N, C-alpha and C. Protein backbone atom coordinates (compact mmCIF):
# COMPACT_ATOMS: atom_id res chain seq x y z
N MET A 1 106.06 104.83 96.81
CA MET A 1 105.60 104.31 98.04
C MET A 1 106.16 105.06 99.14
N THR A 2 105.40 105.31 100.19
CA THR A 2 105.86 106.18 101.42
C THR A 2 106.61 105.35 102.26
N ALA A 3 107.40 106.03 103.16
CA ALA A 3 108.17 105.36 104.19
C ALA A 3 107.14 104.43 104.99
N GLU A 4 106.13 105.05 105.39
CA GLU A 4 105.03 104.28 106.37
C GLU A 4 104.61 103.21 105.59
N GLY A 5 104.25 103.16 104.10
CA GLY A 5 103.98 102.07 103.51
C GLY A 5 104.82 101.01 103.61
N LEU A 6 106.27 101.33 103.45
CA LEU A 6 107.13 100.45 103.67
C LEU A 6 107.36 99.79 104.82
N ALA A 7 107.31 100.56 105.89
CA ALA A 7 107.36 100.10 107.33
C ALA A 7 106.33 99.15 107.60
N ASP A 8 104.97 99.64 107.27
CA ASP A 8 103.73 98.76 107.49
C ASP A 8 103.81 97.44 106.98
N GLN A 9 104.54 97.35 105.74
CA GLN A 9 104.72 95.85 105.13
C GLN A 9 105.98 95.34 105.73
N ALA A 10 106.75 95.93 106.51
CA ALA A 10 108.00 95.64 106.74
C ALA A 10 108.84 95.06 105.57
N PHE A 11 108.72 96.07 104.65
CA PHE A 11 109.25 95.98 103.39
C PHE A 11 108.44 95.04 102.26
N GLY A 12 107.55 94.47 102.80
CA GLY A 12 106.65 93.34 102.01
C GLY A 12 106.84 93.10 100.69
N ASP A 13 106.39 93.84 99.54
CA ASP A 13 106.63 93.51 98.23
C ASP A 13 107.98 94.09 97.93
N VAL A 14 108.44 95.04 98.73
CA VAL A 14 109.78 95.76 98.40
C VAL A 14 110.97 94.89 99.17
N ALA A 15 111.76 94.52 98.43
CA ALA A 15 113.00 93.76 99.24
C ALA A 15 113.81 94.79 99.94
N GLU A 16 114.49 94.30 101.11
CA GLU A 16 115.01 95.13 102.02
C GLU A 16 116.20 95.73 101.23
N ALA A 17 116.90 95.24 100.31
CA ALA A 17 117.97 95.46 99.47
C ALA A 17 117.69 96.76 98.75
N THR A 18 116.35 96.85 98.26
CA THR A 18 115.96 97.83 97.38
C THR A 18 115.46 99.09 98.33
N VAL A 19 115.18 98.97 99.58
CA VAL A 19 114.89 100.01 100.37
C VAL A 19 116.32 100.66 100.99
N VAL A 20 117.25 99.69 101.15
CA VAL A 20 118.84 100.24 101.53
C VAL A 20 119.23 100.94 100.27
N GLY A 21 118.97 100.46 99.08
CA GLY A 21 119.54 101.15 98.13
C GLY A 21 118.96 102.56 97.88
N ARG A 22 117.73 102.85 98.07
CA ARG A 22 117.12 104.02 98.08
C ARG A 22 117.60 104.93 99.15
N ALA A 23 117.99 104.27 100.30
CA ALA A 23 118.40 105.04 101.51
C ALA A 23 119.89 105.45 101.17
N GLN A 24 120.68 104.55 100.60
CA GLN A 24 122.18 104.94 100.00
C GLN A 24 122.06 106.04 99.04
N ASP A 25 121.05 106.25 98.44
CA ASP A 25 120.80 107.31 97.38
C ASP A 25 120.26 108.47 98.07
N GLY A 26 120.07 108.66 99.48
CA GLY A 26 119.71 109.74 100.18
C GLY A 26 118.36 109.91 100.38
N ASP A 27 117.52 108.82 100.08
CA ASP A 27 116.10 108.78 100.45
C ASP A 27 115.85 108.71 101.83
N LEU A 28 115.44 109.90 102.55
CA LEU A 28 115.37 109.85 104.03
C LEU A 28 113.99 109.02 104.46
N ASP A 29 113.01 109.02 103.62
CA ASP A 29 111.72 108.28 103.88
C ASP A 29 112.34 106.51 104.02
N ALA A 30 113.31 106.33 103.20
CA ALA A 30 113.51 104.77 103.11
C ALA A 30 114.40 104.59 104.27
N PHE A 31 115.35 105.35 104.70
CA PHE A 31 116.19 105.40 106.01
C PHE A 31 115.49 105.12 107.09
N GLU A 32 114.28 106.08 107.14
CA GLU A 32 113.56 106.19 108.33
C GLU A 32 112.76 104.84 108.51
N SER A 33 112.42 104.27 107.24
CA SER A 33 111.76 102.88 107.33
C SER A 33 112.61 101.99 107.86
N LEU A 34 114.01 101.78 107.27
CA LEU A 34 114.98 101.02 108.03
C LEU A 34 115.17 101.19 109.37
N VAL A 35 115.07 102.32 109.97
CA VAL A 35 115.22 102.74 111.39
C VAL A 35 114.19 102.13 112.28
N ARG A 36 113.14 102.35 111.72
CA ARG A 36 111.83 101.82 112.33
C ARG A 36 111.73 100.47 112.53
N HIS A 37 112.20 99.72 111.40
CA HIS A 37 112.19 98.13 111.28
C HIS A 37 113.34 97.60 112.26
N TYR A 38 114.40 98.47 112.46
CA TYR A 38 115.58 97.66 113.09
C TYR A 38 115.83 98.27 114.49
N GLN A 39 115.18 99.42 114.97
CA GLN A 39 115.33 100.03 116.04
C GLN A 39 115.02 99.28 117.41
N GLY A 40 113.79 98.51 117.32
CA GLY A 40 113.38 97.78 118.35
C GLY A 40 114.28 96.55 118.73
N PRO A 41 114.76 95.57 117.66
CA PRO A 41 115.56 94.64 117.93
C PRO A 41 116.97 95.03 118.44
N LEU A 42 117.40 96.21 117.71
CA LEU A 42 118.84 96.70 118.17
C LEU A 42 118.74 97.20 119.46
N PHE A 43 117.73 97.94 119.84
CA PHE A 43 117.66 98.41 121.31
C PHE A 43 117.58 97.03 122.34
N ARG A 44 117.01 96.18 122.09
CA ARG A 44 116.88 94.92 122.78
C ARG A 44 118.10 94.24 123.10
N LEU A 45 118.83 94.30 121.79
CA LEU A 45 120.18 93.88 121.83
C LEU A 45 120.95 94.42 122.84
N ALA A 46 121.08 95.92 122.67
CA ALA A 46 121.88 96.76 123.39
C ALA A 46 121.55 96.59 124.95
N LEU A 47 120.30 96.56 125.24
CA LEU A 47 119.85 96.71 126.46
C LEU A 47 120.43 95.16 127.29
N ARG A 48 120.11 94.30 126.47
CA ARG A 48 120.56 92.83 127.05
C ARG A 48 122.08 92.73 127.32
N LEU A 49 122.99 93.40 126.26
CA LEU A 49 124.21 93.38 126.39
C LEU A 49 124.92 94.26 127.63
N MET A 50 124.14 95.51 127.78
CA MET A 50 124.77 96.48 128.43
C MET A 50 124.09 96.46 129.87
N ARG A 51 122.62 95.94 129.92
CA ARG A 51 121.72 95.87 131.18
C ARG A 51 121.68 97.32 131.81
N ASP A 52 121.52 98.40 130.85
CA ASP A 52 121.33 99.63 131.41
C ASP A 52 120.63 100.50 130.31
N ARG A 53 119.40 100.79 130.55
CA ARG A 53 118.62 101.46 129.54
C ARG A 53 119.03 102.76 129.06
N GLY A 54 119.60 103.72 129.70
CA GLY A 54 120.37 104.87 129.16
C GLY A 54 121.33 104.53 128.31
N ASP A 55 122.28 103.71 128.78
CA ASP A 55 123.48 103.27 127.72
C ASP A 55 122.91 102.64 126.37
N ALA A 56 121.86 101.73 126.64
CA ALA A 56 121.36 101.38 125.36
C ALA A 56 120.66 102.21 124.53
N GLU A 57 120.05 103.22 124.95
CA GLU A 57 119.49 104.43 124.32
C GLU A 57 120.42 105.17 123.40
N ASP A 58 121.45 105.37 124.13
CA ASP A 58 122.66 106.16 123.89
C ASP A 58 123.36 105.43 122.57
N ALA A 59 123.77 104.08 122.82
CA ALA A 59 124.33 103.27 121.92
C ALA A 59 123.56 103.12 120.59
N LEU A 60 122.07 103.15 120.74
CA LEU A 60 121.27 102.89 119.62
C LEU A 60 121.44 104.14 118.85
N GLN A 61 121.36 105.48 119.45
CA GLN A 61 121.24 106.53 118.82
C GLN A 61 122.78 106.75 117.85
N ASP A 62 123.85 106.50 118.57
CA ASP A 62 125.16 106.56 118.02
C ASP A 62 125.15 105.62 116.93
N ALA A 63 124.62 104.43 117.04
CA ALA A 63 124.87 103.45 115.90
C ALA A 63 124.10 103.93 114.73
N MET A 64 122.78 104.49 114.79
CA MET A 64 122.00 104.99 113.82
C MET A 64 122.69 106.03 113.13
N VAL A 65 123.42 106.89 113.82
CA VAL A 65 124.07 108.07 113.08
C VAL A 65 125.25 107.58 112.36
N GLN A 66 125.89 106.62 112.94
CA GLN A 66 126.94 105.99 112.07
C GLN A 66 126.55 105.17 110.94
N VAL A 67 125.28 104.50 110.95
CA VAL A 67 124.77 103.86 109.95
C VAL A 67 124.52 104.85 108.97
N TRP A 68 123.93 106.04 109.08
CA TRP A 68 123.54 106.95 108.15
C TRP A 68 124.97 107.47 107.29
N ARG A 69 125.87 107.89 108.15
CA ARG A 69 127.10 108.22 107.70
C ARG A 69 127.72 107.25 106.62
N LYS A 70 127.66 106.15 107.29
CA LYS A 70 128.50 105.11 106.37
C LYS A 70 127.75 104.28 105.27
N LEU A 71 126.40 104.54 105.32
CA LEU A 71 125.43 103.88 104.48
C LEU A 71 125.95 103.93 102.86
N PRO A 72 126.38 105.07 102.43
CA PRO A 72 126.76 105.22 101.06
C PRO A 72 127.73 104.25 100.59
N ALA A 73 128.75 103.85 101.61
CA ALA A 73 129.94 103.14 101.47
C ALA A 73 129.55 101.43 101.56
N LEU A 74 128.36 101.14 101.99
CA LEU A 74 127.88 99.82 102.05
C LEU A 74 128.06 99.13 100.56
N ASP A 75 128.86 98.15 100.22
CA ASP A 75 128.89 97.68 98.95
C ASP A 75 127.72 96.69 98.46
N ASP A 76 127.14 95.89 99.37
CA ASP A 76 126.22 95.08 99.12
C ASP A 76 124.93 95.32 100.10
N PRO A 77 124.05 95.94 99.46
CA PRO A 77 122.61 96.23 100.26
C PRO A 77 122.18 94.88 100.77
N GLN A 78 122.35 93.81 100.23
CA GLN A 78 121.86 92.54 100.97
C GLN A 78 122.45 92.29 102.12
N ALA A 79 123.48 92.83 102.49
CA ALA A 79 124.23 92.59 103.59
C ALA A 79 124.15 93.53 104.78
N PHE A 80 122.94 94.28 104.60
CA PHE A 80 122.48 95.41 105.48
C PHE A 80 122.31 94.80 106.85
N ARG A 81 121.54 93.78 107.11
CA ARG A 81 121.25 93.27 108.30
C ARG A 81 122.24 92.89 109.22
N ARG A 82 123.42 92.13 108.69
CA ARG A 82 124.42 91.72 109.19
C ARG A 82 125.34 92.99 109.60
N TRP A 83 125.31 94.01 108.65
CA TRP A 83 126.09 95.07 108.77
C TRP A 83 125.62 96.15 109.90
N ILE A 84 124.52 96.27 110.08
CA ILE A 84 123.82 97.00 111.11
C ILE A 84 123.84 96.42 112.45
N TYR A 85 123.78 95.06 112.53
CA TYR A 85 124.20 94.50 113.72
C TYR A 85 125.53 94.51 114.13
N GLN A 86 126.43 94.46 113.08
CA GLN A 86 127.89 94.79 113.35
C GLN A 86 128.19 95.98 113.95
N ILE A 87 127.68 97.04 113.51
CA ILE A 87 127.69 98.47 114.02
C ILE A 87 127.35 98.52 115.36
N MET A 88 126.00 97.95 115.64
CA MET A 88 125.35 97.84 116.87
C MET A 88 126.23 97.29 118.06
N THR A 89 126.75 96.22 117.67
CA THR A 89 127.48 95.02 118.42
C THR A 89 128.80 95.84 118.86
N ARG A 90 129.45 96.44 117.92
CA ARG A 90 130.67 97.15 118.25
C ARG A 90 130.67 98.26 119.03
N ARG A 91 129.40 99.08 118.95
CA ARG A 91 129.02 100.21 119.55
C ARG A 91 128.84 99.71 121.06
N CYS A 92 128.28 98.71 121.32
CA CYS A 92 127.94 98.12 122.74
C CYS A 92 129.15 97.57 123.33
N MET A 93 130.13 96.96 122.63
CA MET A 93 131.29 96.43 123.17
C MET A 93 132.25 97.65 123.47
N SER A 94 132.25 98.71 122.80
CA SER A 94 132.92 99.86 123.03
C SER A 94 132.69 100.43 124.43
N VAL A 95 131.29 100.41 124.65
CA VAL A 95 130.76 101.23 125.94
C VAL A 95 131.20 100.04 127.04
N LEU A 96 130.92 98.72 126.86
CA LEU A 96 131.31 97.67 127.87
C LEU A 96 132.89 97.68 128.27
N ARG A 97 133.71 97.83 127.25
CA ARG A 97 135.09 98.00 127.51
C ARG A 97 135.43 99.40 128.27
N THR A 98 134.82 100.26 127.99
CA THR A 98 135.04 101.64 128.54
C THR A 98 134.64 101.43 130.12
N ARG A 99 133.54 100.86 130.34
CA ARG A 99 132.77 100.59 131.55
C ARG A 99 133.71 99.89 132.50
N THR A 100 134.23 98.78 131.91
CA THR A 100 135.13 97.77 132.56
C THR A 100 136.54 98.59 133.07
N ARG A 101 137.04 99.49 132.11
CA ARG A 101 138.32 100.21 132.43
C ARG A 101 138.15 101.20 133.52
N GLN A 102 136.94 101.88 133.51
CA GLN A 102 136.45 102.76 134.53
C GLN A 102 135.90 102.15 135.81
N GLY A 103 135.60 100.87 135.92
CA GLY A 103 135.01 100.12 137.05
C GLY A 103 133.65 100.61 137.39
N VAL A 104 132.98 101.02 136.26
CA VAL A 104 131.50 101.31 136.36
C VAL A 104 130.51 100.19 136.26
N GLN A 105 129.64 100.06 137.18
CA GLN A 105 128.55 98.97 137.22
C GLN A 105 127.47 99.56 136.59
N PRO A 106 126.83 98.55 135.79
CA PRO A 106 125.54 99.00 134.93
C PRO A 106 124.44 99.26 136.14
N ALA A 107 123.52 99.97 135.59
CA ALA A 107 122.25 99.89 136.51
C ALA A 107 121.39 98.68 136.11
N GLN A 108 120.72 98.14 137.29
CA GLN A 108 120.07 96.94 137.20
C GLN A 108 118.57 97.27 136.58
N GLU A 109 118.29 96.95 135.18
CA GLU A 109 117.10 97.28 134.56
C GLU A 109 116.42 95.87 134.80
N ASP A 110 115.09 96.10 135.25
CA ASP A 110 114.24 94.97 135.36
C ASP A 110 113.41 94.88 133.92
N GLU A 111 114.07 94.24 132.92
CA GLU A 111 113.44 94.24 131.68
C GLU A 111 112.04 93.12 131.83
N LEU A 112 112.45 92.14 132.75
CA LEU A 112 111.46 91.16 133.13
C LEU A 112 109.93 91.56 133.46
N ASP A 113 109.95 92.74 134.27
CA ASP A 113 108.69 93.31 134.77
C ASP A 113 108.11 93.87 133.48
N MET A 114 108.65 94.46 132.72
CA MET A 114 108.02 94.92 131.41
C MET A 114 107.36 93.86 130.61
N ALA A 115 108.35 92.81 130.51
CA ALA A 115 107.83 91.97 129.58
C ALA A 115 106.69 91.05 130.18
N LEU A 116 106.74 90.87 131.45
CA LEU A 116 105.64 89.85 132.09
C LEU A 116 104.36 91.05 132.48
N THR A 117 104.55 92.11 132.47
CA THR A 117 103.37 92.91 132.91
C THR A 117 102.31 92.77 131.99
N ALA A 118 102.72 92.45 130.59
CA ALA A 118 101.55 92.23 129.55
C ALA A 118 100.88 91.06 129.87
N GLN A 119 101.73 90.09 130.35
CA GLN A 119 100.95 88.75 130.59
C GLN A 119 99.76 88.98 131.51
N ARG A 120 99.89 89.92 132.39
CA ARG A 120 99.15 89.89 133.81
C ARG A 120 97.60 90.08 133.23
N GLY A 121 97.44 90.89 132.22
CA GLY A 121 96.08 91.27 131.67
C GLY A 121 95.59 90.07 130.85
N THR A 122 96.25 89.02 130.74
CA THR A 122 95.76 88.18 129.80
C THR A 122 94.76 87.07 130.35
N GLY A 123 94.76 87.26 131.71
CA GLY A 123 94.09 86.05 132.56
C GLY A 123 94.72 84.80 132.78
N GLU A 124 96.25 84.71 132.71
CA GLU A 124 96.86 83.63 133.07
C GLU A 124 96.86 83.46 134.30
N ASP A 125 97.07 82.23 134.84
CA ASP A 125 97.26 81.73 136.18
C ASP A 125 98.33 82.43 136.86
N PRO A 126 98.07 83.13 138.06
CA PRO A 126 99.22 83.90 138.77
C PRO A 126 100.40 82.94 139.18
N ALA A 127 100.01 81.77 139.40
CA ALA A 127 101.05 80.73 139.81
C ALA A 127 101.96 80.72 138.66
N VAL A 128 101.57 80.65 137.48
CA VAL A 128 102.10 80.39 136.16
C VAL A 128 103.21 81.38 135.95
N VAL A 129 102.44 82.59 136.09
CA VAL A 129 103.18 83.89 135.77
C VAL A 129 104.30 84.05 136.86
N ALA A 130 104.11 83.73 138.14
CA ALA A 130 104.97 83.84 139.06
C ALA A 130 106.24 82.95 138.86
N ALA A 131 105.84 81.79 138.51
CA ALA A 131 106.97 80.80 138.09
C ALA A 131 107.87 81.36 136.85
N GLN A 132 107.29 81.66 135.90
CA GLN A 132 107.75 82.41 134.65
C GLN A 132 108.73 83.35 135.01
N ARG A 133 108.21 84.31 135.92
CA ARG A 133 108.95 85.63 136.36
C ARG A 133 110.34 85.01 137.03
N ALA A 134 110.17 84.05 137.94
CA ALA A 134 111.28 83.56 138.71
C ALA A 134 112.28 82.97 137.88
N GLN A 135 111.73 82.17 136.82
CA GLN A 135 112.61 81.47 135.88
C GLN A 135 113.37 82.49 135.01
N LEU A 136 112.58 83.66 134.52
CA LEU A 136 113.40 84.41 133.77
C LEU A 136 114.29 85.32 134.44
N ARG A 137 114.11 85.64 135.88
CA ARG A 137 114.91 86.32 136.65
C ARG A 137 116.22 85.60 136.72
N ASP A 138 116.01 84.27 137.07
CA ASP A 138 117.34 83.58 137.09
C ASP A 138 118.24 83.36 135.98
N LEU A 139 117.44 83.34 134.78
CA LEU A 139 118.26 83.17 133.49
C LEU A 139 118.91 84.68 133.29
N ASN A 140 118.25 85.76 133.72
CA ASN A 140 118.95 87.07 133.61
C ASN A 140 119.81 87.08 134.53
N ASP A 141 119.97 86.55 135.64
CA ASP A 141 121.00 86.54 136.67
C ASP A 141 122.16 85.66 136.05
N ALA A 142 121.76 84.54 135.36
CA ALA A 142 122.82 83.47 134.94
C ALA A 142 123.69 84.29 133.72
N LEU A 143 122.78 84.96 132.93
CA LEU A 143 123.46 85.88 131.81
C LEU A 143 124.41 86.78 132.25
N ALA A 144 123.80 87.42 133.28
CA ALA A 144 124.82 88.54 133.76
C ALA A 144 126.21 88.25 134.31
N LEU A 145 126.19 86.78 134.55
CA LEU A 145 127.34 86.25 135.21
C LEU A 145 128.49 85.75 134.03
N LEU A 146 127.66 85.54 132.80
CA LEU A 146 128.52 84.99 131.64
C LEU A 146 129.60 85.99 131.33
N PRO A 147 130.84 85.67 131.04
CA PRO A 147 131.84 86.40 130.41
C PRO A 147 131.31 87.23 129.29
N GLU A 148 131.57 88.53 128.94
CA GLU A 148 131.10 89.30 128.21
C GLU A 148 130.91 88.72 126.68
N ASP A 149 132.03 88.13 126.19
CA ASP A 149 132.34 87.55 125.09
C ASP A 149 131.29 86.45 124.68
N GLN A 150 131.02 85.46 125.69
CA GLN A 150 130.06 84.51 125.76
C GLN A 150 128.57 85.00 125.68
N ARG A 151 128.21 86.07 126.55
CA ARG A 151 126.94 86.80 126.55
C ARG A 151 126.49 87.22 125.35
N VAL A 152 127.45 88.06 124.65
CA VAL A 152 127.29 88.57 123.20
C VAL A 152 126.86 87.65 122.29
N CYS A 153 127.73 86.50 122.24
CA CYS A 153 127.35 85.41 121.22
C CYS A 153 125.98 84.75 121.61
N TRP A 154 125.68 84.44 122.81
CA TRP A 154 124.53 83.92 123.24
C TRP A 154 123.24 84.68 122.89
N VAL A 155 123.47 85.91 123.23
CA VAL A 155 122.08 86.81 122.84
C VAL A 155 121.95 86.99 121.49
N MET A 156 122.93 87.24 120.85
CA MET A 156 122.77 87.36 119.18
C MET A 156 122.18 85.98 118.62
N ARG A 157 122.63 84.87 119.06
CA ARG A 157 122.11 83.60 118.65
C ARG A 157 120.73 83.19 119.03
N GLU A 158 120.60 83.23 120.31
CA GLU A 158 119.42 82.76 120.94
C GLU A 158 118.34 83.50 121.07
N LEU A 159 118.44 84.78 121.27
CA LEU A 159 117.43 85.80 121.17
C LEU A 159 117.24 86.69 119.99
N HIS A 160 118.16 86.74 119.21
CA HIS A 160 117.99 87.65 118.01
C HIS A 160 118.04 86.78 116.66
N GLU A 161 118.45 85.42 116.97
CA GLU A 161 118.48 84.43 115.85
C GLU A 161 119.22 84.75 114.68
N LEU A 162 120.39 85.39 115.08
CA LEU A 162 121.41 85.52 113.96
C LEU A 162 122.11 84.29 113.72
N SER A 163 122.51 84.08 112.30
CA SER A 163 123.32 82.91 112.01
C SER A 163 124.85 82.87 112.62
N TYR A 164 125.39 81.99 112.57
CA TYR A 164 126.94 81.82 112.94
C TYR A 164 127.58 82.85 112.08
N ALA A 165 127.44 82.91 110.97
CA ALA A 165 128.04 83.73 110.00
C ALA A 165 127.83 85.24 110.27
N GLU A 166 126.54 85.52 110.71
CA GLU A 166 126.27 87.03 110.99
C GLU A 166 126.94 87.17 112.31
N ILE A 167 126.88 86.61 113.16
CA ILE A 167 127.45 86.79 114.77
C ILE A 167 129.03 87.01 114.36
N ALA A 168 129.69 86.06 113.55
CA ALA A 168 131.18 86.15 113.35
C ALA A 168 131.29 87.52 112.59
N PHE A 169 130.48 87.93 111.68
CA PHE A 169 130.87 89.21 111.07
C PHE A 169 130.69 90.32 112.04
N ALA A 170 129.62 90.30 112.82
CA ALA A 170 129.29 91.41 113.83
C ALA A 170 130.23 91.56 114.93
N THR A 171 130.89 90.46 115.19
CA THR A 171 131.86 90.46 116.36
C THR A 171 133.24 90.25 115.95
N ASN A 172 133.66 90.32 114.56
CA ASN A 172 134.74 90.09 113.98
C ASN A 172 135.81 88.84 114.48
N LEU A 173 134.95 87.72 114.41
CA LEU A 173 135.42 86.77 114.95
C LEU A 173 135.23 85.29 113.93
N THR A 174 135.87 84.27 113.92
CA THR A 174 135.49 83.25 113.07
C THR A 174 134.34 82.48 113.52
N GLU A 175 133.77 81.91 112.55
CA GLU A 175 132.55 81.09 113.14
C GLU A 175 132.91 79.91 114.06
N ALA A 176 134.32 79.47 113.88
CA ALA A 176 134.51 78.39 114.93
C ALA A 176 134.79 79.22 116.15
N THR A 177 135.18 80.20 116.45
CA THR A 177 135.29 80.92 117.72
C THR A 177 134.00 81.13 118.28
N VAL A 178 132.88 81.67 117.15
CA VAL A 178 131.60 81.80 117.68
C VAL A 178 131.02 80.59 118.33
N ARG A 179 131.27 79.62 117.54
CA ARG A 179 130.65 78.30 118.12
C ARG A 179 131.16 77.73 119.41
N GLY A 180 132.42 78.03 119.62
CA GLY A 180 133.01 77.74 120.83
C GLY A 180 132.67 78.63 122.06
N ARG A 181 132.34 79.90 121.58
CA ARG A 181 131.92 80.65 122.87
C ARG A 181 130.46 80.43 123.15
N LEU A 182 129.70 79.97 122.01
CA LEU A 182 128.05 79.54 122.45
C LEU A 182 128.20 78.28 123.13
N MET A 183 129.07 77.25 122.89
CA MET A 183 129.10 76.15 123.69
C MET A 183 129.45 76.39 125.09
N ARG A 184 130.33 77.23 125.39
CA ARG A 184 130.70 77.42 126.79
C ARG A 184 129.64 78.32 127.32
N ALA A 185 129.05 79.22 126.56
CA ALA A 185 127.89 80.02 127.31
C ALA A 185 126.61 79.03 127.58
N ARG A 186 126.35 78.31 126.67
CA ARG A 186 125.36 77.18 127.11
C ARG A 186 125.59 76.35 128.20
N ARG A 187 126.81 75.79 128.24
CA ARG A 187 127.36 74.99 129.32
C ARG A 187 127.15 75.72 130.68
N ASN A 188 127.58 77.27 130.76
CA ASN A 188 127.68 78.06 131.95
C ASN A 188 126.19 78.31 132.40
N LEU A 189 125.27 78.50 131.29
CA LEU A 189 124.00 78.67 131.65
C LEU A 189 123.14 77.62 132.20
N LEU A 190 123.54 76.38 131.68
CA LEU A 190 122.86 75.29 132.22
C LEU A 190 123.31 74.96 133.83
N LYS A 191 124.68 75.21 134.06
CA LYS A 191 125.00 75.41 135.51
C LYS A 191 123.87 76.36 136.34
N GLY A 192 123.96 77.71 135.80
CA GLY A 192 123.34 78.57 136.48
C GLY A 192 121.87 78.31 136.55
N MET A 193 121.10 77.52 135.76
CA MET A 193 119.89 77.16 135.68
C MET A 193 119.59 75.85 136.23
N ASP A 194 120.43 75.18 136.79
CA ASP A 194 120.42 73.90 137.36
C ASP A 194 119.06 73.69 138.07
N ALA A 195 118.62 74.43 139.01
CA ALA A 195 117.59 74.35 139.71
C ALA A 195 116.09 74.21 139.00
N TRP A 196 116.28 74.68 137.61
CA TRP A 196 115.16 74.42 136.89
C TRP A 196 114.97 73.20 135.95
N ARG A 197 116.14 72.44 136.09
CA ARG A 197 115.81 71.09 135.32
C ARG A 197 115.10 70.12 135.92
């Protein structure tokens, strides 16, 4: 089966672990299929965590190179999803720590405009679109104010739907710590979104 066939089916009849196994054996088509499947979600994760398109693109590229290099050492092909999220998260956290030490502020990416531009052509009521845009902008602002450790856990759980165990693995924390950070993040976001209740 070609890599395009694998990607089109999002692994369809072929289990992801099988595709990972092929990539571990050096099959470039299988690896490209994995990259195509994960690059969108991983880029969005990086963009949400770092709030800078250039940094997110660089982090994604660095993470994919690291995945290719370390893939043969992955013991459990079924753990690929949590493993690749771990690599991406750690790469983002490294960039964020460097930024903090150097006092660099991220560029303000307006991901909301990109997301809502698609809605404009759907014939939706402009008042509804404007309200959604305002609410998303307020959520984005509230997320930006969260401490980094809370934002990482919240984005991974709420936007990427990772389990507590996957988040704990990706961030090198215990599940209890992840749950605590999520609870604090939700509480802080509720305060930040108070006007929308």
